[in-house]
C-alpha atoms as a PDB file:
ATOM      1  CA  GLU A   1       4.433   5.567  30.638  1.00  0.00           C
ATOM      2  CA  TRP A   2       7.931   6.246  29.268  1.00  0.00           C
ATOM      3  CA  ARG A   3      10.209   8.713  31.002  1.00  0.00           C
ATOM      4  CA  PRO A   4      13.979   8.934  31.551  1.00  0.00           C
ATOM      5  CA  ARG A   5      14.873   7.155  34.789  1.00  0.00           C
ATOM      6  CA  ARG A   6      17.184   8.377  37.478  1.00  0.00           C
ATOM      7  CA  GLY A   7      20.715   7.273  36.803  1.00  0.00           C
ATOM      8  CA  ALA A   8      19.927   6.027  33.292  1.00  0.00           C
ATOM      9  CA  GLY A   9      22.911   6.467  30.990  1.00  0.00           C
ATOM     10  CA  ARG A  10      25.342   7.609  33.695  1.00  0.00           C
ATOM     11  CA  ASP A  11      27.183   4.312  33.731  1.00  0.00           C
ATOM     12  CA  ARG A  12      28.932   4.825  30.378  1.00  0.00           C
ATOM     13  CA  GLU A  13      31.489   7.465  29.448  1.00  0.00           C
ATOM     14  CA  PRO A  14      29.897  10.305  31.416  1.00  0.00           C
ATOM     15  CA  GLY A  15      32.535  12.796  30.334  1.00  0.00           C
ATOM     16  CA  GLY A  16      33.334  11.675  26.810  1.00  0.00           C
ATOM     17  CA  TYR A  17      31.817  11.092  23.410  1.00  0.00           C
ATOM     18  CA  ALA A  18      29.520   8.116  22.977  1.00  0.00           C
ATOM     19  CA  ASP A  19      29.359   5.460  20.289  1.00  0.00           C
ATOM     20  CA  PRO A  20      27.928   6.969  17.078  1.00  0.00           C
ATOM     21  CA  ALA A  21      25.964   3.747  16.532  1.00  0.00           C
ATOM     22  CA  GLY A  22      24.021   4.366  19.737  1.00  0.00           C
ATOM     23  CA  HIS A  23      24.000   3.221  23.344  1.00  0.00           C
ATOM     24  CA  PRO A  24      25.090  -0.448  23.450  1.00  0.00           C
ATOM     25  CA  ASP A  25      22.158  -1.423  25.673  1.00  0.00           C
ATOM     26  CA  LEU A  26      19.662   0.136  23.270  1.00  0.00           C
ATOM     27  CA  ARG A  27      21.227  -1.522  20.243  1.00  0.00           C
ATOM     28  CA  ALA A  28      20.941  -4.870  21.995  1.00  0.00           C
ATOM     29  CA  ALA A  29      17.354  -4.129  23.054  1.00  0.00           C
ATOM     30  CA  VAL A  30      16.404  -3.142  19.499  1.00  0.00           C
ATOM     31  CA  ALA A  31      17.948  -6.336  18.106  1.00  0.00           C
ATOM     32  CA  ARG A  32      15.893  -8.434  20.534  1.00  0.00           C
ATOM     33  CA  TYR A  33      12.766  -6.391  19.869  1.00  0.00           C
ATOM     34  CA  VAL A  34      12.810  -6.638  16.069  1.00  0.00           C
ATOM     35  CA  ALA A  35      13.536 -10.367  16.362  1.00  0.00           C
ATOM     36  CA  TYR A  36      10.395 -11.210  18.329  1.00  0.00           C
ATOM     37  CA  ALA A  37       8.116  -8.409  17.105  1.00  0.00           C
ATOM     38  CA  ARG A  38       9.027  -8.259  13.428  1.00  0.00           C
ATOM     39  CA  SER A  39      10.922 -11.489  12.608  1.00  0.00           C
ATOM     40  CA  VAL A  40      14.093  -9.551  11.796  1.00  0.00           C
ATOM     41  CA  ARG A  41      17.044 -11.699  12.822  1.00  0.00           C
ATOM     42  CA  THR A  42      20.005  -9.525  13.630  1.00  0.00           C
ATOM     43  CA  GLY A  43      22.565  -8.677  16.290  1.00  0.00           C
ATOM     44  CA  ALA A  44      23.396  -5.514  18.167  1.00  0.00           C
ATOM     45  CA  ASP A  45      26.425  -4.866  15.927  1.00  0.00           C
ATOM     46  CA  ASP A  46      24.109  -4.429  12.919  1.00  0.00           C
ATOM     47  CA  VAL A  47      21.883  -1.849  14.665  1.00  0.00           C
ATOM     48  CA  VAL A  48      22.545   1.874  14.316  1.00  0.00           C
ATOM     49  CA  VAL A  49      20.361   4.083  16.507  1.00  0.00           C
ATOM     50  CA  THR A  50      19.341   7.316  14.779  1.00  0.00           C
ATOM     51  CA  ASN A  51      17.542  10.576  15.458  1.00  0.00           C
ATOM     52  CA  GLY A  52      14.316   9.261  13.970  1.00  0.00           C
ATOM     53  CA  ALA A  53      13.805   7.270  10.799  1.00  0.00           C
ATOM     54  CA  GLN A  54      14.545  10.348   8.720  1.00  0.00           C
ATOM     55  CA  GLN A  55      18.169  10.368   9.851  1.00  0.00           C
ATOM     56  CA  ALA A  56      18.397   6.681   9.015  1.00  0.00           C
ATOM     57  CA  LEU A  57      17.382   7.503   5.433  1.00  0.00           C
ATOM     58  CA  ASP A  58      19.898  10.340   5.355  1.00  0.00           C
ATOM     59  CA  LEU A  59      22.720   8.064   6.506  1.00  0.00           C
ATOM     60  CA  VAL A  60      21.841   5.431   3.908  1.00  0.00           C
ATOM     61  CA  ALA A  61      21.872   8.113   1.219  1.00  0.00           C
ATOM     62  CA  ARG A  62      25.257   9.405   2.396  1.00  0.00           C
ATOM     63  CA  VAL A  63      26.753   5.937   2.196  1.00  0.00           C
ATOM     64  CA  LEU A  64      25.163   4.505  -0.944  1.00  0.00           C
ATOM     65  CA  LEU A  65      24.390   7.378  -3.285  1.00  0.00           C
ATOM     66  CA  ALA A  66      26.374   9.699  -5.515  1.00  0.00           C
ATOM     67  CA  PRO A  67      24.901  12.729  -7.271  1.00  0.00           C
ATOM     68  CA  GLY A  68      22.896  11.601 -10.267  1.00  0.00           C
ATOM     69  CA  ASP A  69      22.210   8.085  -8.982  1.00  0.00           C
ATOM     70  CA  VAL A  70      18.658   6.858  -9.531  1.00  0.00           C
ATOM     71  CA  VAL A  71      16.478   6.074  -6.511  1.00  0.00           C
ATOM     72  CA  ALA A  72      13.123   4.360  -7.004  1.00  0.00           C
ATOM     73  CA  VAL A  73      10.330   5.232  -4.577  1.00  0.00           C
ATOM     74  CA  GLU A  74       6.670   4.330  -4.336  1.00  0.00           C
ATOM     75  CA  GLU A  75       4.176   6.598  -6.107  1.00  0.00           C
ATOM     76  CA  PRO A  76       2.207   7.706  -4.191  1.00  0.00           C
ATOM     77  CA  GLY A  77       4.641   7.550  -1.316  1.00  0.00           C
ATOM     78  CA  TYR A  78       6.312   9.197   1.648  1.00  0.00           C
ATOM     79  CA  PRO A  79       7.438  12.729   0.675  1.00  0.00           C
ATOM     80  CA  PRO A  80      10.205  13.097   3.322  1.00  0.00           C
ATOM     81  CA  ALA A  81      11.932  10.007   1.897  1.00  0.00           C
ATOM     82  CA  ARG A  82      11.912  11.510  -1.592  1.00  0.00           C
ATOM     83  CA  GLU A  83      13.259  14.753  -0.151  1.00  0.00           C
ATOM     84  CA  ALA A  84      16.049  12.989   1.747  1.00  0.00           C
ATOM     85  CA  PHE A  85      17.340  11.217  -1.356  1.00  0.00           C
ATOM     86  CA  ALA A  86      16.949  14.285  -3.576  1.00  0.00           C
ATOM     87  CA  ALA A  87      18.930  16.355  -1.065  1.00  0.00           C
ATOM     88  CA  HIS A  88      21.920  14.134  -1.819  1.00  0.00           C
ATOM     89  CA  GLY A  89      21.631  14.782  -5.548  1.00  0.00           C
ATOM     90  CA  ALA A  90      19.813  11.581  -6.455  1.00  0.00           C
ATOM     91  CA  ARG A  91      17.349  11.435  -9.322  1.00  0.00           C
ATOM     92  CA  VAL A  92      14.196  10.179  -7.611  1.00  0.00           C
ATOM     93  CA  VAL A  93      11.798   8.181  -9.814  1.00  0.00           C
ATOM     94  CA  GLY A  94       8.273   7.252  -8.735  1.00  0.00           C
ATOM     95  CA  VAL A  95       7.099   3.679  -9.334  1.00  0.00           C
ATOM     96  CA  PRO A  96       3.389   2.749  -9.351  1.00  0.00           C
ATOM     97  CA  VAL A  97       1.749   0.818  -6.523  1.00  0.00           C
ATOM     98  CA  ASP A  98      -1.142  -1.611  -7.003  1.00  0.00           C
ATOM     99  CA  GLY A  99      -3.009  -4.028  -4.737  1.00  0.00           C
ATOM    100  CA  GLU A 100       0.154  -6.121  -4.265  1.00  0.00           C
ATOM    101  CA  GLY A 101       2.445  -3.194  -3.489  1.00  0.00           C
ATOM    102  CA  LEU A 102       5.271  -1.734  -5.555  1.00  0.00           C
ATOM    103  CA  VAL A 103       5.051  -2.835  -9.214  1.00  0.00           C
ATOM    104  CA  VAL A 104       8.487  -4.396  -9.605  1.00  0.00           C
ATOM    105  CA  SER A 105       8.212  -4.638 -13.389  1.00  0.00           C
ATOM    106  CA  ARG A 106       8.094  -0.825 -13.541  1.00  0.00           C
ATOM    107  CA  LEU A 107      11.361  -0.258 -11.676  1.00  0.00           C
ATOM    108  CA  PRO A 108      13.928   1.777 -13.627  1.00  0.00           C
ATOM    109  CA  ARG A 109      16.814  -0.449 -14.655  1.00  0.00           C
ATOM    110  CA  ALA A 110      19.373   2.092 -13.476  1.00  0.00           C
ATOM    111  CA  ALA A 111      18.044   2.310  -9.914  1.00  0.00           C
ATOM    112  CA  ARG A 112      20.831   2.168  -7.348  1.00  0.00           C
ATOM    113  CA  LEU A 113      18.405   2.042  -4.427  1.00  0.00           C
ATOM    114  CA  VAL A 114      14.726   1.132  -3.972  1.00  0.00           C
ATOM    115  CA  TYR A 115      12.752   2.592  -1.048  1.00  0.00           C
ATOM    116  CA  VAL A 116       9.597   0.699  -0.016  1.00  0.00           C
ATOM    117  CA  THR A 117       7.057   0.437   2.823  1.00  0.00           C
ATOM    118  CA  PRO A 118       5.983  -3.193   2.297  1.00  0.00           C
ATOM    119  CA  SER A 119       4.224  -3.906   5.599  1.00  0.00           C
ATOM    120  CA  HIS A 120       1.766  -1.008   5.273  1.00  0.00           C
ATOM    121  CA  GLN A 121       2.312   1.017   2.131  1.00  0.00           C
ATOM    122  CA  PHE A 122       2.322   4.723   2.822  1.00  0.00           C
ATOM    123  CA  PRO A 123      -0.202   6.163   2.142  1.00  0.00           C
ATOM    124  CA  LEU A 124      -2.421   3.580   0.418  1.00  0.00           C
ATOM    125  CA  GLY A 125      -2.119   1.023   3.216  1.00  0.00           C
ATOM    126  CA  VAL A 126      -1.769  -2.155   1.136  1.00  0.00           C
ATOM    127  CA  ALA A 127       0.727  -4.867   2.099  1.00  0.00           C
ATOM    128  CA  MET A 128       3.254  -6.070  -0.451  1.00  0.00           C
ATOM    129  CA  SER A 129       2.359  -9.619  -1.461  1.00  0.00           C
ATOM    130  CA  PRO A 130       4.777 -12.507  -0.799  1.00  0.00           C
ATOM    131  CA  ARG A 131       5.344 -12.991  -4.516  1.00  0.00           C
ATOM    132  CA  ARG A 132       6.080  -9.316  -5.046  1.00  0.00           C
ATOM    133  CA  ARG A 133       8.557  -9.337  -2.148  1.00  0.00           C
ATOM    134  CA  LEU A 134      10.515 -12.158  -3.711  1.00  0.00           C
ATOM    135  CA  ASP A 135      10.361 -10.445  -7.104  1.00  0.00           C
ATOM    136  CA  LEU A 136      11.786  -7.247  -5.609  1.00  0.00           C
ATOM    137  CA  LEU A 137      14.683  -9.055  -3.958  1.00  0.00           C
ATOM    138  CA  ALA A 138      15.423 -10.951  -7.153  1.00  0.00           C
ATOM    139  CA  TRP A 139      15.361  -7.675  -9.100  1.00  0.00           C
ATOM    140  CA  ALA A 140      17.728  -6.038  -6.615  1.00  0.00           C
ATOM    141  CA  GLY A 141      20.163  -8.935  -6.935  1.00  0.00           C
ATOM    142  CA  ALA A 142      20.054  -8.879 -10.710  1.00  0.00           C
ATOM    143  CA  HIS A 143      20.592  -5.099 -10.855  1.00  0.00           C
ATOM    144  CA  ASP A 144      23.067  -4.761  -7.967  1.00  0.00           C
ATOM    145  CA  ALA A 145      20.692  -2.447  -6.083  1.00  0.00           C
ATOM    146  CA  ALA A 146      20.040  -1.872  -2.394  1.00  0.00           C
ATOM    147  CA  VAL A 147      16.581  -1.925  -0.807  1.00  0.00           C
ATOM    148  CA  VAL A 148      15.478   0.269   2.082  1.00  0.00           C
ATOM    149  CA  GLU A 149      12.586  -1.348   3.959  1.00  0.00           C
ATOM    150  CA  ASP A 150      10.780   1.279   6.034  1.00  0.00           C
ATOM    151  CA  ASP A 151       8.673  -0.570   8.614  1.00  0.00           C
ATOM    152  CA  TYR A 152       7.249   2.507  10.271  1.00  0.00           C
ATOM    153  CA  ASP A 153       4.126   1.211  12.050  1.00  0.00           C
ATOM    154  CA  SER A 154       3.714  -2.559  11.696  1.00  0.00           C
ATOM    155  CA  GLU A 155       3.372  -2.995  15.475  1.00  0.00           C
ATOM    156  CA  TYR A 156      -0.258  -1.998  15.077  1.00  0.00           C
ATOM    157  CA  ARG A 157      -1.803  -4.845  13.120  1.00  0.00           C
ATOM    158  CA  PHE A 158      -5.545  -5.441  13.401  1.00  0.00           C
ATOM    159  CA  ALA A 159      -6.220  -8.222  10.885  1.00  0.00           C
ATOM    160  CA  ASP A 160      -4.366 -10.962   9.023  1.00  0.00           C
ATOM    161  CA  ARG A 161      -1.031 -12.421   9.977  1.00  0.00           C
ATOM    162  CA  PRO A 162       2.063 -10.290   9.310  1.00  0.00           C
ATOM    163  CA  LEU A 163       4.084 -11.225   6.259  1.00  0.00           C
ATOM    164  CA  GLU A 164       7.802 -11.894   6.477  1.00  0.00           C
ATOM    165  CA  PRO A 165       9.777  -8.662   6.152  1.00  0.00           C
ATOM    166  CA  LEU A 166      12.066  -8.242   3.194  1.00  0.00           C
ATOM    167  CA  HIS A 167      14.999  -8.344   5.607  1.00  0.00           C
ATOM    168  CA  ALA A 168      14.093 -11.889   6.662  1.00  0.00           C
ATOM    169  CA  LEU A 169      13.844 -13.006   3.033  1.00  0.00           C
ATOM    170  CA  ASP A 170      17.069 -11.320   1.948  1.00  0.00           C
ATOM    171  CA  ALA A 171      19.902 -13.762   1.339  1.00  0.00           C
ATOM    172  CA  GLY A 172      22.189 -11.275  -0.358  1.00  0.00           C
ATOM    173  CA  GLY A 173      22.670  -8.587   2.281  1.00  0.00           C
ATOM    174  CA  ARG A 174      20.898  -5.957   0.178  1.00  0.00           C
ATOM    175  CA  VAL A 175      18.161  -4.814   2.594  1.00  0.00           C
ATOM    176  CA  VAL A 176      18.529  -1.973   5.085  1.00  0.00           C
ATOM    177  CA  TYR A 177      15.688  -2.258   7.586  1.00  0.00           C
ATOM    178  CA  VAL A 178      14.510   1.040   9.084  1.00  0.00           C
ATOM    179  CA  GLY A 179      12.231   1.505  12.088  1.00  0.00           C
ATOM    180  CA  THR A 180      11.084   4.259  14.411  1.00  0.00           C
ATOM    181  CA  PHE A 181       9.676   4.792  17.888  1.00  0.00           C
ATOM    182  CA  SER A 182       7.695   7.831  16.761  1.00  0.00           C
ATOM    183  CA  LYS A 183       4.513   5.822  16.180  1.00  0.00           C
ATOM    184  CA  THR A 184       4.712   3.580  19.230  1.00  0.00           C
ATOM    185  CA  LEU A 185       5.860   6.247  21.704  1.00  0.00           C
ATOM    186  CA  LEU A 186       5.967   9.861  20.532  1.00  0.00           C
ATOM    187  CA  PRO A 187       7.489  11.807  17.625  1.00  0.00           C
ATOM    188  CA  GLY A 188       9.285  14.233  19.942  1.00  0.00           C
ATOM    189  CA  LEU A 189      11.445  11.382  21.244  1.00  0.00           C
ATOM    190  CA  ARG A 190      13.328  11.490  17.915  1.00  0.00           C
ATOM    191  CA  LEU A 191      14.653   7.956  18.080  1.00  0.00           C
ATOM    192  CA  GLY A 192      14.741   5.445  15.260  1.00  0.00           C
ATOM    193  CA  PHE A 193      17.116   2.799  14.001  1.00  0.00           C
ATOM    194  CA  ALA A 194      18.546   1.077  10.974  1.00  0.00           C
ATOM    195  CA  VAL A 195      19.507  -2.584  10.736  1.00  0.00           C
ATOM    196  CA  VAL A 196      22.335  -2.584   8.219  1.00  0.00           C
ATOM    197  CA  PRO A 197      24.138  -5.442   6.438  1.00  0.00           C
ATOM    198  CA  PRO A 198      27.624  -6.211   7.793  1.00  0.00           C
ATOM    199  CA  SER A 199      29.122  -4.738   4.630  1.00  0.00           C
ATOM    200  CA  LEU A 200      27.728  -1.305   5.546  1.00  0.00           C
ATOM    201  CA  ARG A 201      28.391  -1.254   9.305  1.00  0.00           C
ATOM    202  CA  SER A 202      31.579   0.789   9.258  1.00  0.00           C
ATOM    203  CA  ALA A 203      30.382   3.229   6.596  1.00  0.00           C
ATOM    204  CA  VAL A 204      27.061   3.971   8.278  1.00  0.00           C
ATOM    205  CA  ARG A 205      28.724   4.432  11.668  1.00  0.00           C
ATOM    206  CA  ALA A 206      31.249   6.802  10.115  1.00  0.00           C
ATOM    207  CA  ALA A 207      28.448   8.740   8.448  1.00  0.00           C
ATOM    208  CA  ARG A 208      26.657   9.068  11.793  1.00  0.00           C
ATOM    209  CA  ARG A 209      29.846  10.291  13.443  1.00  0.00           C
ATOM    210  CA  LEU A 210      30.269  12.967  10.771  1.00  0.00           C
ATOM    211  CA  ALA A 211      26.573  13.942  10.852  1.00  0.00           C
ATOM    212  CA  ASP A 212      26.133  14.704  14.548  1.00  0.00           C
ATOM    213  CA  GLY A 213      28.557  12.595  16.570  1.00  0.00           C
ATOM    214  CA  HIS A 214      26.076  10.531  18.537  1.00  0.00           C
ATOM    215  CA  GLY A 215      22.606  10.596  20.008  1.00  0.00           C
ATOM    216  CA  PRO A 216      21.327  11.543  23.489  1.00  0.00           C
ATOM    217  CA  VAL A 217      23.014   8.997  25.743  1.00  0.00           C
ATOM    218  CA  ALA A 218      20.680   9.302  28.739  1.00  0.00           C
ATOM    219  CA  THR A 219      17.539   9.074  26.592  1.00  0.00           C
ATOM    220  CA  GLU A 220      18.864   6.045  24.715  1.00  0.00           C
ATOM    221  CA  ALA A 221      19.782   4.313  27.975  1.00  0.00           C
ATOM    222  CA  ALA A 222      16.357   5.048  29.430  1.00  0.00           C
ATOM    223  CA  LEU A 223      14.625   3.619  26.365  1.00  0.00           C
ATOM    224  CA  ALA A 224      16.790   0.498  26.556  1.00  0.00           C
ATOM    225  CA  ARG A 225      15.700  -0.070  30.137  1.00  0.00           C
ATOM    226  CA  PHE A 226      12.073   0.659  29.198  1.00  0.00           C
ATOM    227  CA  MET A 227      12.265  -2.057  26.540  1.00  0.00           C
ATOM    228  CA  ASP A 228      14.187  -4.571  28.655  1.00  0.00           C
ATOM    229  CA  GLU A 229      11.641  -4.329  31.467  1.00  0.00           C
ATOM    230  CA  GLY A 230       8.844  -5.206  29.037  1.00  0.00           C
ATOM    231  CA  LEU A 231       7.237  -1.789  29.298  1.00  0.00           C
ATOM    232  CA  LEU A 232       7.334  -1.042  25.572  1.00  0.00           C
ATOM    233  CA  ALA A 233       5.568  -4.324  24.769  1.00  0.00           C
ATOM    234  CA  ARG A 234       2.962  -3.598  27.441  1.00  0.00           C
ATOM    235  CA  HIS A 235       2.484  -0.072  26.099  1.00  0.00           C
ATOM    236  CA  ILE A 236       1.953  -1.387  22.560  1.00  0.00           C
ATOM    237  CA  ARG A 237      -0.600  -3.960  23.722  1.00  0.00           C
ATOM    238  CA  ARG A 238      -2.530  -1.270  25.586  1.00  0.00           C
ATOM    239  CA  THR A 239      -2.451   1.316  22.818  1.00  0.00           C
ATOM    240  CA  ALA A 240      -3.296  -1.281  20.155  1.00  0.00           C
ATOM    241  CA  LYS A 241      -6.667  -1.776  21.854  1.00  0.00           C
ATOM    242  CA  VAL A 242      -7.263   1.977  21.831  1.00  0.00           C
ATOM    243  CA  TYR A 243      -6.329   2.298  18.170  1.00  0.00           C
ATOM    244  CA  ALA A 244      -8.439  -0.736  17.253  1.00  0.00           C
ATOM    245  CA  ARG A 245     -11.543   0.997  18.629  1.00  0.00           C
ATOM    246  CA  ARG A 246     -10.743   4.140  16.672  1.00  0.00           C
ATOM    247  CA  ARG A 247     -10.114   2.139  13.519  1.00  0.00           C
ATOM    248  CA  SER A 248     -13.392   0.247  13.869  1.00  0.00           C
ATOM    249  CA  ALA A 249     -15.303   3.506  14.276  1.00  0.00           C
ATOM    250  CA  LEU A 250     -13.583   4.980  11.223  1.00  0.00           C
ATOM    251  CA  LEU A 251     -14.211   1.952   9.003  1.00  0.00           C
ATOM    252  CA  ALA A 252     -17.852   1.772  10.116  1.00  0.00           C
ATOM    253  CA  GLY A 253     -18.406   5.383   9.157  1.00  0.00           C
ATOM    254  CA  LEU A 254     -16.664   5.026   5.811  1.00  0.00           C
ATOM    255  CA  ALA A 255     -18.844   1.999   5.037  1.00  0.00           C
ATOM    256  CA  GLY A 256     -21.971   3.822   6.240  1.00  0.00           C
ATOM    257  CA  GLU A 257     -22.664   7.510   5.785  1.00  0.00           C
ATOM    258  CA  LEU A 258     -19.685   8.008   3.481  1.00  0.00           C
ATOM    259  CA  ALA A 259     -20.185   4.875   1.362  1.00  0.00           C
ATOM    260  CA  PRO A 260     -21.851   6.781  -1.523  1.00  0.00           C
ATOM    261  CA  TYR A 261     -18.728   8.895  -1.890  1.00  0.00           C
ATOM    262  CA  VAL A 262     -15.710   6.722  -1.111  1.00  0.00           C
ATOM    263  CA  GLU A 263     -14.360   3.167  -1.188  1.00  0.00           C
ATOM    264  CA  THR A 264     -11.876   2.198   1.525  1.00  0.00           C
ATOM    265  CA  VAL A 265      -8.572   0.679   0.447  1.00  0.00           C
ATOM    266  CA  PRO A 266      -8.179  -2.650   2.317  1.00  0.00           C
ATOM    267  CA  SER A 267      -5.582  -2.338   5.054  1.00  0.00           C
ATOM    268  CA  ALA A 268      -4.714  -4.563   8.015  1.00  0.00           C
ATOM    269  CA  ALA A 269      -2.305  -2.370   9.945  1.00  0.00           C
ATOM    270  CA  GLY A 270      -1.158   1.116  10.795  1.00  0.00           C
ATOM    271  CA  LEU A 271      -2.714   4.317  12.085  1.00  0.00           C
ATOM    272  CA  HIS A 272      -4.343   5.668   8.937  1.00  0.00           C
ATOM    273  CA  VAL A 273      -6.786   4.607   6.253  1.00  0.00           C
ATOM    274  CA  CYS A 274      -6.966   5.642   2.609  1.00  0.00           C
ATOM    275  CA  ALA A 275     -10.345   6.066   0.912  1.00  0.00           C
ATOM    276  CA  LEU A 276     -10.676   6.461  -2.863  1.00  0.00           C
ATOM    277  CA  LEU A 277     -13.372   8.733  -4.284  1.00  0.00           C
ATOM    278  CA  ARG A 278     -15.924   6.830  -6.320  1.00  0.00           C
ATOM    279  CA  SER A 279     -16.153   9.800  -8.667  1.00  0.00           C
ATOM    280  CA  GLY A 280     -12.413   9.771  -9.287  1.00  0.00           C
ATOM    281  CA  ASP A 281     -12.514  13.553  -9.357  1.00  0.00           C
ATOM    282  CA  ARG A 282      -9.363  15.079  -7.838  1.00  0.00           C
ATOM    283  CA  ALA A 283     -10.918  18.554  -7.810  1.00  0.00           C
ATOM    284  CA  VAL A 284     -13.695  17.205  -5.614  1.00  0.00           C
ATOM    285  CA  ALA A 285     -11.130  15.639  -3.273  1.00  0.00           C
ATOM    286  CA  ASP A 286      -9.358  18.984  -2.950  1.00  0.00           C
ATOM    287  CA  ALA A 287     -12.591  20.857  -2.259  1.00  0.00           C
ATOM    288  CA  VAL A 288     -13.843  18.293   0.249  1.00  0.00           C
ATOM    289  CA  ALA A 289     -10.549  18.268   2.135  1.00  0.00           C
ATOM    290  CA  ALA A 290     -10.531  22.062   2.296  1.00  0.00           C
ATOM    291  CA  ARG A 291     -14.107  22.177   3.627  1.00  0.00           C
ATOM    292  CA  ALA A 292     -13.373  19.433   6.132  1.00  0.00           C
ATOM    293  CA  ARG A 293     -10.298  21.248   7.429  1.00  0.00           C
ATOM    294  CA  ALA A 294     -12.332  24.436   7.772  1.00  0.00           C
ATOM    295  CA  ALA A 295     -14.761  22.441   9.928  1.00  0.00           C
ATOM    296  CA  GLY A 296     -11.914  21.197  12.119  1.00  0.00           C
ATOM    297  CA  VAL A 297     -11.454  17.762  10.516  1.00  0.00           C
ATOM    298  CA  ALA A 298      -7.864  17.036   9.474  1.00  0.00           C
ATOM    299  CA  VAL A 299      -7.706  15.049   6.245  1.00  0.00           C
ATOM    300  CA  GLU A 300      -5.186  14.982   3.430  1.00  0.00           C
ATOM    301  CA  THR A 301      -5.748  14.327  -0.246  1.00  0.00           C
ATOM    302  CA  LEU A 302      -3.953  11.407  -1.841  1.00  0.00           C
ATOM    303  CA  ALA A 303      -2.470  13.909  -4.289  1.00  0.00           C
ATOM    304  CA  ALA A 304      -0.404  15.375  -1.437  1.00  0.00           C
ATOM    305  CA  TYR A 305       1.678  12.184  -1.483  1.00  0.00           C
ATOM    306  CA  ARG A 306       2.354  12.193  -5.212  1.00  0.00           C
ATOM    307  CA  ALA A 307       5.338  13.782  -6.904  1.00  0.00           C
ATOM    308  CA  GLU A 308       3.564  13.804 -10.261  1.00  0.00           C
ATOM    309  CA  PRO A 309      -0.027  14.719 -11.164  1.00  0.00           C
ATOM    310  CA  GLY A 310      -2.477  11.964 -11.948  1.00  0.00           C
ATOM    311  CA  GLY A 311      -3.632   8.786 -10.278  1.00  0.00           C
ATOM    312  CA  PRO A 312      -6.889   8.122  -8.458  1.00  0.00           C
ATOM    313  CA  ALA A 313      -8.511  10.741  -6.249  1.00  0.00           C
ATOM    314  CA  GLY A 314      -8.575   9.900  -2.572  1.00  0.00           C
ATOM    315  CA  LEU A 315      -8.396  11.013   1.021  1.00  0.00           C
ATOM    316  CA  VAL A 316      -6.008   9.889   3.754  1.00  0.00           C
ATOM    317  CA  LEU A 317      -7.517   9.782   7.248  1.00  0.00           C
ATOM    318  CA  GLY A 318      -5.381   9.249  10.341  1.00  0.00           C
ATOM    319  CA  TYR A 319      -6.735   8.098  13.695  1.00  0.00           C
ATOM    320  CA  GLY A 320      -3.648   8.279  15.886  1.00  0.00           C
ATOM    321  CA  ALA A 321      -4.662  11.538  17.565  1.00  0.00           C
ATOM    322  CA  ILE A 322      -8.453  11.370  17.851  1.00  0.00           C
ATOM    323  CA  GLU A 323     -10.617   9.682  20.487  1.00  0.00           C
ATOM    324  CA  ALA A 324     -12.931   6.884  19.324  1.00  0.00           C
ATOM    325  CA  ASP A 325     -16.082   8.763  20.325  1.00  0.00           C
ATOM    326  CA  GLU A 326     -14.987  11.765  18.254  1.00  0.00           C
ATOM    327  CA  VAL A 327     -14.573   9.751  15.047  1.00  0.00           C
ATOM    328  CA  PRO A 328     -18.307   9.707  14.123  1.00  0.00           C
ATOM    329  CA  VAL A 329     -18.484  13.472  14.657  1.00  0.00           C
ATOM    330  CA  GLY A 330     -15.586  14.008  12.281  1.00  0.00           C
ATOM    331  CA  LEU A 331     -17.047  11.668   9.676  1.00  0.00           C
ATOM    332  CA  THR A 332     -20.385  13.461   9.825  1.00  0.00           C
ATOM    333  CA  ALA A 333     -18.562  16.711   9.076  1.00  0.00           C
ATOM    334  CA  LEU A 334     -16.716  15.002   6.227  1.00  0.00           C
ATOM    335  CA  ALA A 335     -19.997  13.726   4.773  1.00  0.00           C
ATOM    336  CA  ALA A 336     -21.394  17.246   5.006  1.00  0.00           C
ATOM    337  CA  ALA A 337     -18.377  18.477   3.056  1.00  0.00           C
ATOM    338  CA  PHE A 338     -19.098  15.949   0.305  1.00  0.00           C
ATOM    339  CA  ARG A 339     -22.745  16.993   0.151  1.00  0.00           C
ATOM    340  CA  ALA A 340     -21.757  20.645  -0.066  1.00  0.00           C
ATOM    341  CA  VAL A 341     -19.305  19.997  -2.894  1.00  0.00           C
ATOM    342  CA  ARG A 342     -21.535  17.519  -4.751  1.00  0.00           C
ATOM    343  CA  PRO A 343     -25.129  18.397  -3.825  1.00  0.00           C
ATOM    344  CA  GLY A 344     -27.795  15.850  -4.641  1.00  0.00           C
END
């Protein structure tokens, strides 16, 4: 169990301002962690600790974007990322996603930055194929664009071997790798990080200094110690078993009682599953989600993650905050919602 430890963080500049890039021990711990857990080869100097992944996106936008610049994002995709780039005056353009991930051939030629979730596309759940990863990096090189790789929950992988991250394949220093501890620990911790190319180190650190000075020194030091003592890795191993049971229960129900209504999008990782409606009717998805929520079952429609109307109808079901034995109960209520909306 993670908690700040007595004396943590008191050994560095107790009366002054801290490094805007984060506590040195945590930057070093993050560099070691992403190396063995995610195959991201980096050093502590390239790590900038942030107040969650959202601040990492904000800092990247501050450094790389000017008003009117084009940013390409996945459609459907992560709404807070779109909002972060739009807040800096960027023109955000959605790019379709298929079974191999972002469709590179549909990227706007003027894109200055491309934001992707290749390990576990949010919200569909597909992994970007190896070929598509190489295509994206080649496109970025040809168009002088940066790529933000948001690897928000790849620690929890339940099938297949992980694919190499874009950062590991990047030979041109174009990828900014973003991670968070919100999924592995808790959202209220508000700690994330960005692994930036050497060419952006100074600019991103300066942007962090202007944004809020620095992060919580004692909390960052405590997390560094938590990681160095192997407690984060142990926590992930333990919670992965818990989430695997929940995931199995969810997939079994979707393939059973709910099979007449939905088809699950194949996914090997993460803490949510996307299910497409066989009817393709978005009005039905809206009505079912509303009935389910009224019955105490939290589901979101796939449309909630789109900036533009259209696309297949679907539901997004998370299992990070529900016990395994409660999953069948929730799915039974969801099936009842389908029957009520589409009787017979």
